[in-house]
Amino acid sequence: MERIDVGSPIIGVVGLGTSQPELKVVAEEVGREIARKGAVLVCGGLGGVMSDAARGAKEIGGITLGILPGPKTEEANEFIDFPIATNMGAARNSIIVHTADVLIAIGGSYGTLSEIALALKIGKGVVALQPNFQIPGVILANTPVGAVDEALTLVELGRRPPQICERVF
């Protein structure tokens, strides 16, 4: 395993925890591209988009961090280098968001939406691929390479998503 550069960007990959054939290839390519660009991948450490992205990163020697909902590091998928057991259930989403410099959402459901909302609330950028939703402030990407490039641009330039209203009337 290569040495981690403390200054490497950390890109969070969030999405469905169950396997979806149409998202598998996308998530794997996102993981590979994160590793190619020298960034660290952080995710929830379990299945679906999380394992697919981590698999892609590991294929080319990337570094992966898994923030697990349960109490055991053994619950992590086989592609996670550093499993962090939280025993916090869905509250672990907050740790993922706060750890990442930027998020890439691939598909997703309620858990993904909670991570996106928190990221936007605390001023972090979010890029989405094949979203099942439209959220002001989320940048849409058409390809895995485009998503990672946009995510790294957000980190580099320190760009924040557009301000959105805290209350919905």
C-alpha atoms as a PDB file:
ATOM      1  CA  MET A   1       0.000   0.000   0.000  1.00  0.00           C
ATOM      2  CA  GLU A   2       1.350   3.419  -0.869  1.00  0.00           C
ATOM      3  CA  ARG A   3       1.849   6.162   1.684  1.00  0.00           C
ATOM      4  CA  ILE A   4      -1.049   8.560   2.163  1.00  0.00           C
ATOM      5  CA  ASP A   5      -0.275  12.198   1.426  1.00  0.00           C
ATOM      6  CA  VAL A   6      -1.855  14.179   4.238  1.00  0.00           C
ATOM      7  CA  GLY A   7      -2.775  16.862   1.707  1.00  0.00           C
ATOM      8  CA  SER A   8      -4.637  14.480  -0.611  1.00  0.00           C
ATOM      9  CA  PRO A   9      -8.248  15.438  -1.267  1.00  0.00           C
ATOM     10  CA  ILE A  10     -10.824  13.148   0.306  1.00  0.00           C
ATOM     11  CA  ILE A  11     -13.796  12.425  -1.942  1.00  0.00           C
ATOM     12  CA  GLY A  12     -16.908  10.911  -0.406  1.00  0.00           C
ATOM     13  CA  VAL A  13     -18.862   8.502  -2.578  1.00  0.00           C
ATOM     14  CA  VAL A  14     -22.461   7.998  -1.500  1.00  0.00           C
ATOM     15  CA  GLY A  15     -25.356   6.076  -3.022  1.00  0.00           C
ATOM     16  CA  LEU A  16     -27.491   2.988  -2.762  1.00  0.00           C
ATOM     17  CA  GLY A  17     -26.305   0.281  -0.391  1.00  0.00           C
ATOM     18  CA  THR A  18     -27.792  -2.439  -2.575  1.00  0.00           C
ATOM     19  CA  SER A  19     -26.359  -3.582  -5.884  1.00  0.00           C
ATOM     20  CA  GLN A  20     -27.813  -2.023  -9.004  1.00  0.00           C
ATOM     21  CA  PRO A  21     -26.351  -3.280 -12.294  1.00  0.00           C
ATOM     22  CA  GLU A  22     -26.796   0.104 -13.989  1.00  0.00           C
ATOM     23  CA  LEU A  23     -24.807   1.869 -11.227  1.00  0.00           C
ATOM     24  CA  LYS A  24     -22.042  -0.741 -10.798  1.00  0.00           C
ATOM     25  CA  VAL A  25     -19.960   0.300 -13.801  1.00  0.00           C
ATOM     26  CA  VAL A  26     -20.413   3.999 -13.004  1.00  0.00           C
ATOM     27  CA  ALA A  27     -19.377   3.565  -9.354  1.00  0.00           C
ATOM     28  CA  GLU A  28     -16.349   1.441 -10.256  1.00  0.00           C
ATOM     29  CA  GLU A  29     -15.159   4.045 -12.752  1.00  0.00           C
ATOM     30  CA  VAL A  30     -15.643   6.837 -10.195  1.00  0.00           C
ATOM     31  CA  GLY A  31     -13.490   4.850  -7.762  1.00  0.00           C
ATOM     32  CA  ARG A  32     -10.787   4.269 -10.375  1.00  0.00           C
ATOM     33  CA  GLU A  33     -10.752   7.940 -11.321  1.00  0.00           C
ATOM     34  CA  ILE A  34     -10.511   9.041  -7.678  1.00  0.00           C
ATOM     35  CA  ALA A  35      -7.453   6.782  -7.295  1.00  0.00           C
ATOM     36  CA  ARG A  36      -5.941   7.941 -10.619  1.00  0.00           C
ATOM     37  CA  LYS A  37      -6.139  11.530  -9.411  1.00  0.00           C
ATOM     38  CA  GLY A  38      -4.408  10.683  -6.123  1.00  0.00           C
ATOM     39  CA  ALA A  39      -7.421  11.342  -3.909  1.00  0.00           C
ATOM     40  CA  VAL A  40      -8.654   9.209  -1.016  1.00  0.00           C
ATOM     41  CA  LEU A  41     -12.095   7.600  -1.273  1.00  0.00           C
ATOM     42  CA  VAL A  42     -14.357   7.643   1.794  1.00  0.00           C
ATOM     43  CA  CYS A  43     -17.691   5.844   1.831  1.00  0.00           C
ATOM     44  CA  GLY A  44     -20.022   3.921   4.107  1.00  0.00           C
ATOM     45  CA  GLY A  45     -17.894   0.796   3.721  1.00  0.00           C
ATOM     46  CA  LEU A  46     -20.673  -1.682   2.955  1.00  0.00           C
ATOM     47  CA  GLY A  47     -22.291  -2.895  -0.299  1.00  0.00           C
ATOM     48  CA  GLY A  48     -23.779  -1.453  -3.460  1.00  0.00           C
ATOM     49  CA  VAL A  49     -22.264   1.816  -4.681  1.00  0.00           C
ATOM     50  CA  MET A  50     -19.878   1.775  -1.694  1.00  0.00           C
ATOM     51  CA  SER A  51     -18.244  -1.549  -2.543  1.00  0.00           C
ATOM     52  CA  ASP A  52     -18.326  -0.869  -6.285  1.00  0.00           C
ATOM     53  CA  ALA A  53     -16.497   2.472  -5.921  1.00  0.00           C
ATOM     54  CA  ALA A  54     -14.019   1.011  -3.434  1.00  0.00           C
ATOM     55  CA  ARG A  55     -13.386  -1.929  -5.780  1.00  0.00           C
ATOM     56  CA  GLY A  56     -12.602   0.478  -8.608  1.00  0.00           C
ATOM     57  CA  ALA A  57     -10.190   2.464  -6.443  1.00  0.00           C
ATOM     58  CA  LYS A  58      -8.408  -0.667  -5.198  1.00  0.00           C
ATOM     59  CA  GLU A  59      -8.003  -2.014  -8.759  1.00  0.00           C
ATOM     60  CA  ILE A  60      -5.408   0.679  -9.363  1.00  0.00           C
ATOM     61  CA  GLY A  61      -3.941   0.982  -5.884  1.00  0.00           C
ATOM     62  CA  GLY A  62      -6.137   3.698  -4.402  1.00  0.00           C
ATOM     63  CA  ILE A  63      -6.734   4.327  -0.698  1.00  0.00           C
ATOM     64  CA  THR A  64     -10.194   3.642   0.759  1.00  0.00           C
ATOM     65  CA  LEU A  65     -11.789   4.548   4.067  1.00  0.00           C
ATOM     66  CA  GLY A  66     -15.090   3.017   5.225  1.00  0.00           C
ATOM     67  CA  ILE A  67     -17.249   4.658   7.898  1.00  0.00           C
ATOM     68  CA  LEU A  68     -19.370   1.748   9.107  1.00  0.00           C
ATOM     69  CA  PRO A  69     -22.804   1.966  10.743  1.00  0.00           C
ATOM     70  CA  GLY A  70     -22.206  -1.010  13.052  1.00  0.00           C
ATOM     71  CA  PRO A  71     -19.830  -1.909  15.875  1.00  0.00           C
ATOM     72  CA  LYS A  72     -17.470  -4.240  13.974  1.00  0.00           C
ATOM     73  CA  THR A  73     -14.734  -3.408  11.494  1.00  0.00           C
ATOM     74  CA  GLU A  74     -15.208  -6.890  10.026  1.00  0.00           C
ATOM     75  CA  GLU A  75     -18.482  -5.651   8.489  1.00  0.00           C
ATOM     76  CA  ALA A  76     -16.548  -3.611   5.924  1.00  0.00           C
ATOM     77  CA  ASN A  77     -16.445  -4.782   2.332  1.00  0.00           C
ATOM     78  CA  GLU A  78     -13.186  -6.372   1.193  1.00  0.00           C
ATOM     79  CA  PHE A  79     -12.055  -3.236  -0.675  1.00  0.00           C
ATOM     80  CA  ILE A  80     -11.824  -0.987   2.396  1.00  0.00           C
ATOM     81  CA  ASP A  81      -8.308  -0.268   3.674  1.00  0.00           C
ATOM     82  CA  PHE A  82      -9.317   1.573   6.820  1.00  0.00           C
ATOM     83  CA  PRO A  83     -12.641   0.479   8.349  1.00  0.00           C
ATOM     84  CA  ILE A  84     -14.013   2.753  11.085  1.00  0.00           C
ATOM     85  CA  ALA A  85     -16.697   1.098  13.245  1.00  0.00           C
ATOM     86  CA  THR A  86     -19.070   3.745  14.643  1.00  0.00           C
ATOM     87  CA  ASN A  87     -22.028   1.765  16.031  1.00  0.00           C
ATOM     88  CA  MET A  88     -24.069   4.854  15.072  1.00  0.00           C
ATOM     89  CA  GLY A  89     -26.364   3.490  12.374  1.00  0.00           C
ATOM     90  CA  ALA A  90     -27.414   6.166   9.883  1.00  0.00           C
ATOM     91  CA  ALA A  91     -25.882   8.868  12.092  1.00  0.00           C
ATOM     92  CA  ARG A  92     -22.543   7.738  10.627  1.00  0.00           C
ATOM     93  CA  ASN A  93     -23.578   9.687   7.515  1.00  0.00           C
ATOM     94  CA  SER A  94     -22.534  12.829   9.359  1.00  0.00           C
ATOM     95  CA  ILE A  95     -19.013  11.445   9.809  1.00  0.00           C
ATOM     96  CA  ILE A  96     -18.755  10.598   6.110  1.00  0.00           C
ATOM     97  CA  VAL A  97     -19.827  14.117   5.118  1.00  0.00           C
ATOM     98  CA  HIS A  98     -17.559  15.867   7.608  1.00  0.00           C
ATOM     99  CA  THR A  99     -14.584  13.691   6.601  1.00  0.00           C
ATOM    100  CA  ALA A 100     -14.991  14.281   2.862  1.00  0.00           C
ATOM    101  CA  ASP A 101     -13.860  17.477   1.162  1.00  0.00           C
ATOM    102  CA  VAL A 102     -16.601  16.969  -1.436  1.00  0.00           C
ATOM    103  CA  LEU A 103     -19.254  14.332  -2.201  1.00  0.00           C
ATOM    104  CA  ILE A 104     -20.115  12.403  -5.337  1.00  0.00           C
ATOM    105  CA  ALA A 105     -23.626  10.926  -5.176  1.00  0.00           C
ATOM    106  CA  ILE A 106     -24.368   7.993  -7.467  1.00  0.00           C
ATOM    107  CA  GLY A 107     -28.073   7.232  -7.665  1.00  0.00           C
ATOM    108  CA  GLY A 108     -29.372   6.974  -4.141  1.00  0.00           C
ATOM    109  CA  SER A 109     -32.329   7.109  -1.828  1.00  0.00           C
ATOM    110  CA  TYR A 110     -33.109   8.570   1.610  1.00  0.00           C
ATOM    111  CA  GLY A 111     -29.690   7.912   3.151  1.00  0.00           C
ATOM    112  CA  THR A 112     -28.000   9.538   0.163  1.00  0.00           C
ATOM    113  CA  LEU A 113     -30.370  12.487   0.395  1.00  0.00           C
ATOM    114  CA  SER A 114     -29.462  12.967   4.062  1.00  0.00           C
ATOM    115  CA  GLU A 115     -25.760  13.053   3.176  1.00  0.00           C
ATOM    116  CA  ILE A 116     -26.370  15.513   0.350  1.00  0.00           C
ATOM    117  CA  ALA A 117     -28.483  17.781   2.554  1.00  0.00           C
ATOM    118  CA  LEU A 118     -25.897  17.829   5.314  1.00  0.00           C
ATOM    119  CA  ALA A 119     -23.055  18.504   2.874  1.00  0.00           C
ATOM    120  CA  LEU A 120     -24.935  21.441   1.354  1.00  0.00           C
ATOM    121  CA  LYS A 121     -25.887  22.747   4.797  1.00  0.00           C
ATOM    122  CA  ILE A 122     -22.265  22.842   5.964  1.00  0.00           C
ATOM    123  CA  GLY A 123     -21.047  24.325   2.676  1.00  0.00           C
ATOM    124  CA  LYS A 124     -19.485  21.350   0.941  1.00  0.00           C
ATOM    125  CA  GLY A 125     -19.843  20.699  -2.765  1.00  0.00           C
ATOM    126  CA  VAL A 126     -21.910  17.826  -4.121  1.00  0.00           C
ATOM    127  CA  VAL A 127     -21.692  16.320  -7.599  1.00  0.00           C
ATOM    128  CA  ALA A 128     -24.351  13.818  -8.720  1.00  0.00           C
ATOM    129  CA  LEU A 129     -24.336  11.061 -11.329  1.00  0.00           C
ATOM    130  CA  GLN A 130     -27.630   9.446 -12.364  1.00  0.00           C
ATOM    131  CA  PRO A 131     -29.579  11.085  -9.537  1.00  0.00           C
ATOM    132  CA  ASN A 132     -33.161  10.155  -8.693  1.00  0.00           C
ATOM    133  CA  PHE A 133     -33.707  13.715  -7.494  1.00  0.00           C
ATOM    134  CA  GLN A 134     -33.143  17.389  -8.280  1.00  0.00           C
ATOM    135  CA  ILE A 135     -31.705  19.498  -5.493  1.00  0.00           C
ATOM    136  CA  PRO A 136     -30.616  23.132  -5.800  1.00  0.00           C
ATOM    137  CA  GLY A 137     -26.862  23.382  -5.311  1.00  0.00           C
ATOM    138  CA  VAL A 138     -26.052  19.873  -6.546  1.00  0.00           C
ATOM    139  CA  ILE A 139     -23.887  19.839  -9.669  1.00  0.00           C
ATOM    140  CA  LEU A 140     -24.913  17.219 -12.237  1.00  0.00           C
ATOM    141  CA  ALA A 141     -22.219  15.301 -14.115  1.00  0.00           C
ATOM    142  CA  ASN A 142     -22.641  13.152 -17.198  1.00  0.00           C
ATOM    143  CA  THR A 143     -19.668  10.813 -16.776  1.00  0.00           C
ATOM    144  CA  PRO A 144     -17.605   9.350 -13.937  1.00  0.00           C
ATOM    145  CA  VAL A 145     -14.490  11.217 -15.132  1.00  0.00           C
ATOM    146  CA  GLY A 146     -16.495  14.450 -15.325  1.00  0.00           C
ATOM    147  CA  ALA A 147     -17.848  13.903 -11.818  1.00  0.00           C
ATOM    148  CA  VAL A 148     -14.391  13.419 -10.303  1.00  0.00           C
ATOM    149  CA  ASP A 149     -12.942  16.354 -12.254  1.00  0.00           C
ATOM    150  CA  GLU A 150     -15.769  18.596 -11.045  1.00  0.00           C
ATOM    151  CA  ALA A 151     -15.355  17.341  -7.464  1.00  0.00           C
ATOM    152  CA  LEU A 152     -11.628  18.101  -7.516  1.00  0.00           C
ATOM    153  CA  THR A 153     -12.281  21.529  -9.003  1.00  0.00           C
ATOM    154  CA  LEU A 154     -14.663  22.253  -6.125  1.00  0.00           C
ATOM    155  CA  VAL A 155     -11.954  21.248  -3.641  1.00  0.00           C
ATOM    156  CA  GLU A 156      -9.202  23.168  -5.450  1.00  0.00           C
ATOM    157  CA  LEU A 157     -11.095  26.404  -5.829  1.00  0.00           C
ATOM    158  CA  GLY A 158     -12.889  26.166  -2.525  1.00  0.00           C
ATOM    159  CA  ARG A 159     -16.160  26.751  -4.323  1.00  0.00           C
ATOM    160  CA  ARG A 160     -19.304  26.406  -2.311  1.00  0.00           C
ATOM    161  CA  PRO A 161     -22.701  25.411  -3.647  1.00  0.00           C
ATOM    162  CA  PRO A 162     -25.163  28.259  -4.206  1.00  0.00           C
ATOM    163  CA  GLN A 163     -26.897  29.436  -1.060  1.00  0.00           C
ATOM    164  CA  ILE A 164     -30.327  27.915  -0.675  1.00  0.00           C
ATOM    165  CA  CYS A 165     -33.126  28.878   1.616  1.00  0.00           C
ATOM    166  CA  GLU A 166     -32.973  27.204   5.040  1.00  0.00           C
ATOM    167  CA  ARG A 167     -36.759  27.022   5.247  1.00  0.00           C
ATOM    168  CA  VAL A 168     -39.182  25.778   2.655  1.00  0.00           C
ATOM    169  CA  PHE A 169     -42.485  27.671   2.591  1.00  0.00           C
END
